Amino acid sequence: RDLAKPKNKKTSAKIKYFFKALNQ
């Protein structure tokens, strides 16, 4: 759900969010 959001469109943003979500 969240990786599909516009703010996570860039690869760098996707990677950053992925590890954030894993931590959370």
mmCIF file of all heavy atoms, coordinates in Angstrom:
data_MODEL
# 
_entry.id   MODEL 
# 
loop_
_atom_site.group_PDB 
_atom_site.id 
_atom_site.type_symbol 
_atom_site.label_atom_id 
_atom_site.label_alt_id 
_atom_site.label_comp_id 
_atom_site.label_asym_id 
_atom_site.label_entity_id 
_atom_site.label_seq_id 
_atom_site.pdbx_PDB_ins_code 
_atom_site.Cartn_x 
_atom_site.Cartn_y 
_atom_site.Cartn_z 
_atom_site.occupancy 
_atom_site.B_iso_or_equiv 
_atom_site.pdbx_formal_charge 
_atom_site.auth_seq_id 
_atom_site.auth_comp_id 
_atom_site.auth_asym_id 
_atom_site.auth_atom_id 
_atom_site.pdbx_PDB_model_num 
ATOM 1   N N   . ARG A 1 1  ? 0.830  -1.215 0.000   1.00 0.00 ? 1  ARG A N   1 
ATOM 2   C CA  . ARG A 1 1  ? 0.000  0.000  0.000   1.00 0.00 ? 1  ARG A CA  1 
ATOM 3   C C   . ARG A 1 1  ? 0.861  1.260  0.000   1.00 0.00 ? 1  ARG A C   1 
ATOM 4   O O   . ARG A 1 1  ? 0.663  2.160  -0.827  1.00 0.00 ? 1  ARG A O   1 
ATOM 5   C CB  . ARG A 1 1  ? -0.901 -0.022 1.239   1.00 0.00 ? 1  ARG A CB  1 
ATOM 6   C CG  . ARG A 1 1  ? -1.764 1.222  1.444   1.00 0.00 ? 1  ARG A CG  1 
ATOM 7   C CD  . ARG A 1 1  ? -2.329 1.243  2.848   1.00 0.00 ? 1  ARG A CD  1 
ATOM 8   N NE  . ARG A 1 1  ? -1.280 1.469  3.839   1.00 0.00 ? 1  ARG A NE  1 
ATOM 9   C CZ  . ARG A 1 1  ? -1.432 1.236  5.149   1.00 0.00 ? 1  ARG A CZ  1 
ATOM 10  N NH1 . ARG A 1 1  ? -2.563 0.747  5.609   1.00 0.00 ? 1  ARG A NH1 1 
ATOM 11  N NH2 . ARG A 1 1  ? -0.435 1.478  5.996   1.00 0.00 ? 1  ARG A NH2 1 
ATOM 12  N N   . ASP A 1 2  ? 1.806  1.329  0.909   1.00 0.00 ? 2  ASP A N   1 
ATOM 13  C CA  . ASP A 1 2  ? 2.549  2.575  1.094   1.00 0.00 ? 2  ASP A CA  1 
ATOM 14  C C   . ASP A 1 2  ? 3.636  2.792  0.045   1.00 0.00 ? 2  ASP A C   1 
ATOM 15  O O   . ASP A 1 2  ? 3.938  3.935  -0.306  1.00 0.00 ? 2  ASP A O   1 
ATOM 16  C CB  . ASP A 1 2  ? 3.167  2.600  2.492   1.00 0.00 ? 2  ASP A CB  1 
ATOM 17  C CG  . ASP A 1 2  ? 2.105  2.730  3.580   1.00 0.00 ? 2  ASP A CG  1 
ATOM 18  O OD1 . ASP A 1 2  ? 0.939  3.012  3.230   1.00 0.00 ? 2  ASP A OD1 1 
ATOM 19  O OD2 . ASP A 1 2  ? 2.439  2.545  4.760   1.00 0.00 ? 2  ASP A OD2 1 
ATOM 20  N N   . LEU A 1 3  ? 4.212  1.713  -0.471  1.00 0.00 ? 3  LEU A N   1 
ATOM 21  C CA  . LEU A 1 3  ? 5.217  1.877  -1.510  1.00 0.00 ? 3  LEU A CA  1 
ATOM 22  C C   . LEU A 1 3  ? 4.612  2.382  -2.818  1.00 0.00 ? 3  LEU A C   1 
ATOM 23  O O   . LEU A 1 3  ? 5.314  2.922  -3.676  1.00 0.00 ? 3  LEU A O   1 
ATOM 24  C CB  . LEU A 1 3  ? 5.956  0.554  -1.749  1.00 0.00 ? 3  LEU A CB  1 
ATOM 25  C CG  . LEU A 1 3  ? 6.942  0.139  -0.653  1.00 0.00 ? 3  LEU A CG  1 
ATOM 26  C CD1 . LEU A 1 3  ? 7.488  -1.255 -0.916  1.00 0.00 ? 3  LEU A CD1 1 
ATOM 27  C CD2 . LEU A 1 3  ? 8.084  1.140  -0.529  1.00 0.00 ? 3  LEU A CD2 1 
ATOM 28  N N   . ALA A 1 4  ? 3.303  2.222  -2.965  1.00 0.00 ? 4  ALA A N   1 
ATOM 29  C CA  . ALA A 1 4  ? 2.617  2.689  -4.173  1.00 0.00 ? 4  ALA A CA  1 
ATOM 30  C C   . ALA A 1 4  ? 2.241  4.175  -4.102  1.00 0.00 ? 4  ALA A C   1 
ATOM 31  O O   . ALA A 1 4  ? 1.803  4.753  -5.095  1.00 0.00 ? 4  ALA A O   1 
ATOM 32  C CB  . ALA A 1 4  ? 1.359  1.857  -4.408  1.00 0.00 ? 4  ALA A CB  1 
ATOM 33  N N   . LYS A 1 5  ? 2.442  4.787  -2.929  1.00 0.00 ? 5  LYS A N   1 
ATOM 34  C CA  . LYS A 1 5  ? 2.098  6.200  -2.779  1.00 0.00 ? 5  LYS A CA  1 
ATOM 35  C C   . LYS A 1 5  ? 3.060  7.073  -3.578  1.00 0.00 ? 5  LYS A C   1 
ATOM 36  O O   . LYS A 1 5  ? 4.243  6.741  -3.723  1.00 0.00 ? 5  LYS A O   1 
ATOM 37  C CB  . LYS A 1 5  ? 2.128  6.588  -1.298  1.00 0.00 ? 5  LYS A CB  1 
ATOM 38  C CG  . LYS A 1 5  ? 1.038  5.936  -0.464  1.00 0.00 ? 5  LYS A CG  1 
ATOM 39  C CD  . LYS A 1 5  ? 1.126  6.357  0.989   1.00 0.00 ? 5  LYS A CD  1 
ATOM 40  C CE  . LYS A 1 5  ? 0.008  5.727  1.813   1.00 0.00 ? 5  LYS A CE  1 
ATOM 41  N NZ  . LYS A 1 5  ? 0.085  6.108  3.244   1.00 0.00 ? 5  LYS A NZ  1 
ATOM 42  N N   . PRO A 1 6  ? 2.551  8.206  -4.101  1.00 0.00 ? 6  PRO A N   1 
ATOM 43  C CA  . PRO A 1 6  ? 3.398  9.104  -4.914  1.00 0.00 ? 6  PRO A CA  1 
ATOM 44  C C   . PRO A 1 6  ? 4.686  9.538  -4.217  1.00 0.00 ? 6  PRO A C   1 
ATOM 45  O O   . PRO A 1 6  ? 5.724  9.672  -4.857  1.00 0.00 ? 6  PRO A O   1 
ATOM 46  C CB  . PRO A 1 6  ? 2.468  10.302 -5.173  1.00 0.00 ? 6  PRO A CB  1 
ATOM 47  C CG  . PRO A 1 6  ? 1.098  9.735  -5.108  1.00 0.00 ? 6  PRO A CG  1 
ATOM 48  C CD  . PRO A 1 6  ? 1.153  8.662  -4.053  1.00 0.00 ? 6  PRO A CD  1 
ATOM 49  N N   . LYS A 1 7  ? 4.639  9.750  -2.903  1.00 0.00 ? 7  LYS A N   1 
ATOM 50  C CA  . LYS A 1 7  ? 5.825  10.226 -2.188  1.00 0.00 ? 7  LYS A CA  1 
ATOM 51  C C   . LYS A 1 7  ? 6.936  9.182  -2.171  1.00 0.00 ? 7  LYS A C   1 
ATOM 52  O O   . LYS A 1 7  ? 8.095  9.509  -1.910  1.00 0.00 ? 7  LYS A O   1 
ATOM 53  C CB  . LYS A 1 7  ? 5.465  10.643 -0.765  1.00 0.00 ? 7  LYS A CB  1 
ATOM 54  C CG  . LYS A 1 7  ? 5.042  9.495  0.147   1.00 0.00 ? 7  LYS A CG  1 
ATOM 55  C CD  . LYS A 1 7  ? 4.745  9.989  1.553   1.00 0.00 ? 7  LYS A CD  1 
ATOM 56  C CE  . LYS A 1 7  ? 4.360  8.842  2.483   1.00 0.00 ? 7  LYS A CE  1 
ATOM 57  N NZ  . LYS A 1 7  ? 4.090  9.333  3.858   1.00 0.00 ? 7  LYS A NZ  1 
ATOM 58  N N   . ASN A 1 8  ? 6.573  7.913  -2.451  1.00 0.00 ? 8  ASN A N   1 
ATOM 59  C CA  . ASN A 1 8  ? 7.568  6.838  -2.496  1.00 0.00 ? 8  ASN A CA  1 
ATOM 60  C C   . ASN A 1 8  ? 7.851  6.388  -3.925  1.00 0.00 ? 8  ASN A C   1 
ATOM 61  O O   . ASN A 1 8  ? 8.256  5.247  -4.166  1.00 0.00 ? 8  ASN A O   1 
ATOM 62  C CB  . ASN A 1 8  ? 7.090  5.644  -1.656  1.00 0.00 ? 8  ASN A CB  1 
ATOM 63  C CG  . ASN A 1 8  ? 7.063  5.955  -0.172  1.00 0.00 ? 8  ASN A CG  1 
ATOM 64  O OD1 . ASN A 1 8  ? 7.932  6.649  0.337   1.00 0.00 ? 8  ASN A OD1 1 
ATOM 65  N ND2 . ASN A 1 8  ? 6.054  5.457  0.521   1.00 0.00 ? 8  ASN A ND2 1 
ATOM 66  N N   . LYS A 1 9  ? 7.634  7.287  -4.884  1.00 0.00 ? 9  LYS A N   1 
ATOM 67  C CA  . LYS A 1 9  ? 7.785  6.939  -6.301  1.00 0.00 ? 9  LYS A CA  1 
ATOM 68  C C   . LYS A 1 9  ? 9.231  6.665  -6.664  1.00 0.00 ? 9  LYS A C   1 
ATOM 69  O O   . LYS A 1 9  ? 9.534  5.737  -7.407  1.00 0.00 ? 9  LYS A O   1 
ATOM 70  C CB  . LYS A 1 9  ? 7.230  8.068  -7.170  1.00 0.00 ? 9  LYS A CB  1 
ATOM 71  C CG  . LYS A 1 9  ? 7.201  7.749  -8.655  1.00 0.00 ? 9  LYS A CG  1 
ATOM 72  C CD  . LYS A 1 9  ? 6.547  8.869  -9.446  1.00 0.00 ? 9  LYS A CD  1 
ATOM 73  C CE  . LYS A 1 9  ? 6.490  8.539  -10.928 1.00 0.00 ? 9  LYS A CE  1 
ATOM 74  N NZ  . LYS A 1 9  ? 5.838  9.631  -11.718 1.00 0.00 ? 9  LYS A NZ  1 
ATOM 75  N N   . LYS A 1 10 ? 10.154 7.469  -6.135  1.00 0.00 ? 10 LYS A N   1 
ATOM 76  C CA  . LYS A 1 10 ? 11.567 7.298  -6.455  1.00 0.00 ? 10 LYS A CA  1 
ATOM 77  C C   . LYS A 1 10 ? 12.131 6.059  -5.750  1.00 0.00 ? 10 LYS A C   1 
ATOM 78  O O   . LYS A 1 10 ? 11.707 5.704  -4.659  1.00 0.00 ? 10 LYS A O   1 
ATOM 79  C CB  . LYS A 1 10 ? 12.356 8.533  -6.039  1.00 0.00 ? 10 LYS A CB  1 
ATOM 80  C CG  . LYS A 1 10 ? 12.001 9.788  -6.836  1.00 0.00 ? 10 LYS A CG  1 
ATOM 81  C CD  . LYS A 1 10 ? 12.870 10.955 -6.396  1.00 0.00 ? 10 LYS A CD  1 
ATOM 82  C CE  . LYS A 1 10 ? 12.566 12.204 -7.210  1.00 0.00 ? 10 LYS A CE  1 
ATOM 83  N NZ  . LYS A 1 10 ? 13.413 13.372 -6.798  1.00 0.00 ? 10 LYS A NZ  1 
ATOM 84  N N   . THR A 1 11 ? 13.100 5.440  -6.397  1.00 0.00 ? 11 THR A N   1 
ATOM 85  C CA  . THR A 1 11 ? 13.718 4.224  -5.849  1.00 0.00 ? 11 THR A CA  1 
ATOM 86  C C   . THR A 1 11 ? 14.335 4.480  -4.484  1.00 0.00 ? 11 THR A C   1 
ATOM 87  O O   . THR A 1 11 ? 14.209 3.659  -3.564  1.00 0.00 ? 11 THR A O   1 
ATOM 88  C CB  . THR A 1 11 ? 14.797 3.690  -6.804  1.00 0.00 ? 11 THR A CB  1 
ATOM 89  O OG1 . THR A 1 11 ? 14.203 3.414  -8.079  1.00 0.00 ? 11 THR A OG1 1 
ATOM 90  C CG2 . THR A 1 11 ? 15.419 2.415  -6.256  1.00 0.00 ? 11 THR A CG2 1 
ATOM 91  N N   . SER A 1 12 ? 14.996 5.621  -4.327  1.00 0.00 ? 12 SER A N   1 
ATOM 92  C CA  . SER A 1 12 ? 15.623 5.951  -3.044  1.00 0.00 ? 12 SER A CA  1 
ATOM 93  C C   . SER A 1 12 ? 14.588 6.064  -1.929  1.00 0.00 ? 12 SER A C   1 
ATOM 94  O O   . SER A 1 12 ? 14.822 5.620  -0.803  1.00 0.00 ? 12 SER A O   1 
ATOM 95  C CB  . SER A 1 12 ? 16.416 7.260  -3.160  1.00 0.00 ? 12 SER A CB  1 
ATOM 96  O OG  . SER A 1 12 ? 15.557 8.326  -3.563  1.00 0.00 ? 12 SER A OG  1 
ATOM 97  N N   . ALA A 1 13 ? 13.420 6.655  -2.276  1.00 0.00 ? 13 ALA A N   1 
ATOM 98  C CA  . ALA A 1 13 ? 12.337 6.794  -1.294  1.00 0.00 ? 13 ALA A CA  1 
ATOM 99  C C   . ALA A 1 13 ? 11.758 5.434  -0.939  1.00 0.00 ? 13 ALA A C   1 
ATOM 100 O O   . ALA A 1 13 ? 11.411 5.175  0.221   1.00 0.00 ? 13 ALA A O   1 
ATOM 101 C CB  . ALA A 1 13 ? 11.255 7.712  -1.841  1.00 0.00 ? 13 ALA A CB  1 
ATOM 102 N N   . LYS A 1 14 ? 11.634 4.561  -1.934  1.00 0.00 ? 14 LYS A N   1 
ATOM 103 C CA  . LYS A 1 14 ? 11.116 3.208  -1.688  1.00 0.00 ? 14 LYS A CA  1 
ATOM 104 C C   . LYS A 1 14 ? 12.026 2.437  -0.735  1.00 0.00 ? 14 LYS A C   1 
ATOM 105 O O   . LYS A 1 14 ? 11.556 1.773  0.197   1.00 0.00 ? 14 LYS A O   1 
ATOM 106 C CB  . LYS A 1 14 ? 10.979 2.442  -3.012  1.00 0.00 ? 14 LYS A CB  1 
ATOM 107 C CG  . LYS A 1 14 ? 9.841  2.907  -3.907  1.00 0.00 ? 14 LYS A CG  1 
ATOM 108 C CD  . LYS A 1 14 ? 9.767  2.052  -5.158  1.00 0.00 ? 14 LYS A CD  1 
ATOM 109 C CE  . LYS A 1 14 ? 8.674  2.530  -6.097  1.00 0.00 ? 14 LYS A CE  1 
ATOM 110 N NZ  . LYS A 1 14 ? 7.330  2.348  -5.527  1.00 0.00 ? 14 LYS A NZ  1 
ATOM 111 N N   . ILE A 1 15 ? 13.337 2.528  -0.979  1.00 0.00 ? 15 ILE A N   1 
ATOM 112 C CA  . ILE A 1 15 ? 14.298 1.809  -0.133  1.00 0.00 ? 15 ILE A CA  1 
ATOM 113 C C   . ILE A 1 15 ? 14.262 2.356  1.295   1.00 0.00 ? 15 ILE A C   1 
ATOM 114 O O   . ILE A 1 15 ? 14.250 1.593  2.266   1.00 0.00 ? 15 ILE A O   1 
ATOM 115 C CB  . ILE A 1 15 ? 15.721 1.931  -0.720  1.00 0.00 ? 15 ILE A CB  1 
ATOM 116 C CG1 . ILE A 1 15 ? 15.791 1.201  -2.062  1.00 0.00 ? 15 ILE A CG1 1 
ATOM 117 C CG2 . ILE A 1 15 ? 16.753 1.378  0.261   1.00 0.00 ? 15 ILE A CG2 1 
ATOM 118 C CD1 . ILE A 1 15 ? 17.097 1.405  -2.794  1.00 0.00 ? 15 ILE A CD1 1 
ATOM 119 N N   . LYS A 1 16 ? 14.231 3.666  1.409   1.00 0.00 ? 16 LYS A N   1 
ATOM 120 C CA  . LYS A 1 16 ? 14.189 4.302  2.730   1.00 0.00 ? 16 LYS A CA  1 
ATOM 121 C C   . LYS A 1 16 ? 12.931 3.895  3.484   1.00 0.00 ? 16 LYS A C   1 
ATOM 122 O O   . LYS A 1 16 ? 12.995 3.549  4.668   1.00 0.00 ? 16 LYS A O   1 
ATOM 123 C CB  . LYS A 1 16 ? 14.229 5.819  2.575   1.00 0.00 ? 16 LYS A CB  1 
ATOM 124 C CG  . LYS A 1 16 ? 14.240 6.568  3.899   1.00 0.00 ? 16 LYS A CG  1 
ATOM 125 C CD  . LYS A 1 16 ? 14.318 8.071  3.670   1.00 0.00 ? 16 LYS A CD  1 
ATOM 126 C CE  . LYS A 1 16 ? 14.328 8.833  4.995   1.00 0.00 ? 16 LYS A CE  1 
ATOM 127 N NZ  . LYS A 1 16 ? 14.400 10.306 4.781   1.00 0.00 ? 16 LYS A NZ  1 
ATOM 128 N N   . TYR A 1 17 ? 11.771 3.909  2.797   1.00 0.00 ? 17 TYR A N   1 
ATOM 129 C CA  . TYR A 1 17 ? 10.520 3.535  3.462   1.00 0.00 ? 17 TYR A CA  1 
ATOM 130 C C   . TYR A 1 17 ? 10.510 2.049  3.815   1.00 0.00 ? 17 TYR A C   1 
ATOM 131 O O   . TYR A 1 17 ? 10.008 1.661  4.872   1.00 0.00 ? 17 TYR A O   1 
ATOM 132 C CB  . TYR A 1 17 ? 9.303  3.857  2.597   1.00 0.00 ? 17 TYR A CB  1 
ATOM 133 C CG  . TYR A 1 17 ? 8.034  3.423  3.276   1.00 0.00 ? 17 TYR A CG  1 
ATOM 134 C CD1 . TYR A 1 17 ? 7.485  4.183  4.311   1.00 0.00 ? 17 TYR A CD1 1 
ATOM 135 C CD2 . TYR A 1 17 ? 7.439  2.204  2.973   1.00 0.00 ? 17 TYR A CD2 1 
ATOM 136 C CE1 . TYR A 1 17 ? 6.366  3.744  4.998   1.00 0.00 ? 17 TYR A CE1 1 
ATOM 137 C CE2 . TYR A 1 17 ? 6.322  1.764  3.654   1.00 0.00 ? 17 TYR A CE2 1 
ATOM 138 C CZ  . TYR A 1 17 ? 5.783  2.544  4.664   1.00 0.00 ? 17 TYR A CZ  1 
ATOM 139 O OH  . TYR A 1 17 ? 4.684  2.109  5.352   1.00 0.00 ? 17 TYR A OH  1 
ATOM 140 N N   . PHE A 1 18 ? 11.055 1.210  2.937   1.00 0.00 ? 18 PHE A N   1 
ATOM 141 C CA  . PHE A 1 18 ? 11.069 -0.229 3.184   1.00 0.00 ? 18 PHE A CA  1 
ATOM 142 C C   . PHE A 1 18 ? 11.741 -0.548 4.521   1.00 0.00 ? 18 PHE A C   1 
ATOM 143 O O   . PHE A 1 18 ? 11.197 -1.293 5.338   1.00 0.00 ? 18 PHE A O   1 
ATOM 144 C CB  . PHE A 1 18 ? 11.791 -0.947 2.036   1.00 0.00 ? 18 PHE A CB  1 
ATOM 145 C CG  . PHE A 1 18 ? 11.918 -2.432 2.235   1.00 0.00 ? 18 PHE A CG  1 
ATOM 146 C CD1 . PHE A 1 18 ? 10.848 -3.274 1.962   1.00 0.00 ? 18 PHE A CD1 1 
ATOM 147 C CD2 . PHE A 1 18 ? 13.102 -2.989 2.695   1.00 0.00 ? 18 PHE A CD2 1 
ATOM 148 C CE1 . PHE A 1 18 ? 10.953 -4.652 2.144   1.00 0.00 ? 18 PHE A CE1 1 
ATOM 149 C CE2 . PHE A 1 18 ? 13.219 -4.363 2.884   1.00 0.00 ? 18 PHE A CE2 1 
ATOM 150 C CZ  . PHE A 1 18 ? 12.141 -5.190 2.604   1.00 0.00 ? 18 PHE A CZ  1 
ATOM 151 N N   . PHE A 1 19 ? 12.902 0.031  4.747   1.00 0.00 ? 19 PHE A N   1 
ATOM 152 C CA  . PHE A 1 19 ? 13.621 -0.248 5.994   1.00 0.00 ? 19 PHE A CA  1 
ATOM 153 C C   . PHE A 1 19 ? 12.930 0.414  7.192   1.00 0.00 ? 19 PHE A C   1 
ATOM 154 O O   . PHE A 1 19 ? 12.954 -0.121 8.305   1.00 0.00 ? 19 PHE A O   1 
ATOM 155 C CB  . PHE A 1 19 ? 15.070 0.207  5.875   1.00 0.00 ? 19 PHE A CB  1 
ATOM 156 C CG  . PHE A 1 19 ? 15.907 -0.716 5.031   1.00 0.00 ? 19 PHE A CG  1 
ATOM 157 C CD1 . PHE A 1 19 ? 16.272 -0.360 3.742   1.00 0.00 ? 19 PHE A CD1 1 
ATOM 158 C CD2 . PHE A 1 19 ? 16.296 -1.954 5.512   1.00 0.00 ? 19 PHE A CD2 1 
ATOM 159 C CE1 . PHE A 1 19 ? 17.031 -1.225 2.953   1.00 0.00 ? 19 PHE A CE1 1 
ATOM 160 C CE2 . PHE A 1 19 ? 17.054 -2.823 4.740   1.00 0.00 ? 19 PHE A CE2 1 
ATOM 161 C CZ  . PHE A 1 19 ? 17.418 -2.455 3.453   1.00 0.00 ? 19 PHE A CZ  1 
ATOM 162 N N   . LYS A 1 20 ? 12.304 1.562  6.956   1.00 0.00 ? 20 LYS A N   1 
ATOM 163 C CA  . LYS A 1 20 ? 11.530 2.209  8.021   1.00 0.00 ? 20 LYS A CA  1 
ATOM 164 C C   . LYS A 1 20 ? 10.364 1.326  8.445   1.00 0.00 ? 20 LYS A C   1 
ATOM 165 O O   . LYS A 1 20 ? 10.114 1.139  9.638   1.00 0.00 ? 20 LYS A O   1 
ATOM 166 C CB  . LYS A 1 20 ? 11.014 3.573  7.544   1.00 0.00 ? 20 LYS A CB  1 
ATOM 167 C CG  . LYS A 1 20 ? 10.142 4.289  8.556   1.00 0.00 ? 20 LYS A CG  1 
ATOM 168 C CD  . LYS A 1 20 ? 9.605  5.599  7.986   1.00 0.00 ? 20 LYS A CD  1 
ATOM 169 C CE  . LYS A 1 20 ? 8.669  6.290  8.980   1.00 0.00 ? 20 LYS A CE  1 
ATOM 170 N NZ  . LYS A 1 20 ? 8.123  7.559  8.416   1.00 0.00 ? 20 LYS A NZ  1 
ATOM 171 N N   . ALA A 1 21 ? 9.648  0.776  7.463   1.00 0.00 ? 21 ALA A N   1 
ATOM 172 C CA  . ALA A 1 21 ? 8.500  -0.087 7.755   1.00 0.00 ? 21 ALA A CA  1 
ATOM 173 C C   . ALA A 1 21 ? 8.931  -1.360 8.464   1.00 0.00 ? 21 ALA A C   1 
ATOM 174 O O   . ALA A 1 21 ? 8.246  -1.843 9.374   1.00 0.00 ? 21 ALA A O   1 
ATOM 175 C CB  . ALA A 1 21 ? 7.752  -0.422 6.468   1.00 0.00 ? 21 ALA A CB  1 
ATOM 176 N N   . LEU A 1 22 ? 10.073 -1.917 8.062   1.00 0.00 ? 22 LEU A N   1 
ATOM 177 C CA  . LEU A 1 22 ? 10.584 -3.112 8.741   1.00 0.00 ? 22 LEU A CA  1 
ATOM 178 C C   . LEU A 1 22 ? 10.895 -2.814 10.199  1.00 0.00 ? 22 LEU A C   1 
ATOM 179 O O   . LEU A 1 22 ? 10.600 -3.624 11.082  1.00 0.00 ? 22 LEU A O   1 
ATOM 180 C CB  . LEU A 1 22 ? 11.835 -3.630 8.034   1.00 0.00 ? 22 LEU A CB  1 
ATOM 181 C CG  . LEU A 1 22 ? 11.641 -4.353 6.700   1.00 0.00 ? 22 LEU A CG  1 
ATOM 182 C CD1 . LEU A 1 22 ? 12.987 -4.844 6.178   1.00 0.00 ? 22 LEU A CD1 1 
ATOM 183 C CD2 . LEU A 1 22 ? 10.667 -5.517 6.833   1.00 0.00 ? 22 LEU A CD2 1 
ATOM 184 N N   . ASN A 1 23 ? 11.492 -1.676 10.454  1.00 0.00 ? 23 ASN A N   1 
ATOM 185 C CA  . ASN A 1 23 ? 11.807 -1.271 11.823  1.00 0.00 ? 23 ASN A CA  1 
ATOM 186 C C   . ASN A 1 23 ? 10.530 -1.057 12.640  1.00 0.00 ? 23 ASN A C   1 
ATOM 187 O O   . ASN A 1 23 ? 10.426 -1.497 13.786  1.00 0.00 ? 23 ASN A O   1 
ATOM 188 C CB  . ASN A 1 23 ? 12.644 0.006  11.810  1.00 0.00 ? 23 ASN A CB  1 
ATOM 189 C CG  . ASN A 1 23 ? 13.071 0.430  13.208  1.00 0.00 ? 23 ASN A CG  1 
ATOM 190 O OD1 . ASN A 1 23 ? 13.647 -0.358 13.954  1.00 0.00 ? 23 ASN A OD1 1 
ATOM 191 N ND2 . ASN A 1 23 ? 12.791 1.673  13.561  1.00 0.00 ? 23 ASN A ND2 1 
ATOM 192 N N   . GLN A 1 24 ? 9.535  -0.407 12.024  1.00 0.00 ? 24 GLN A N   1 
ATOM 193 C CA  . GLN A 1 24 ? 8.269  -0.144 12.711  1.00 0.00 ? 24 GLN A CA  1 
ATOM 194 C C   . GLN A 1 24 ? 7.448  -1.408 12.920  1.00 0.00 ? 24 GLN A C   1 
ATOM 195 O O   . GLN A 1 24 ? 6.571  -1.432 13.788  1.00 0.00 ? 24 GLN A O   1 
ATOM 196 C CB  . GLN A 1 24 ? 7.448  0.877  11.924  1.00 0.00 ? 24 GLN A CB  1 
ATOM 197 C CG  . GLN A 1 24 ? 8.037  2.273  11.923  1.00 0.00 ? 24 GLN A CG  1 
ATOM 198 C CD  . GLN A 1 24 ? 7.216  3.236  11.094  1.00 0.00 ? 24 GLN A CD  1 
ATOM 199 O OE1 . GLN A 1 24 ? 6.483  2.839  10.172  1.00 0.00 ? 24 GLN A OE1 1 
ATOM 200 N NE2 . GLN A 1 24 ? 7.318  4.524  11.396  1.00 0.00 ? 24 GLN A NE2 1 
# 
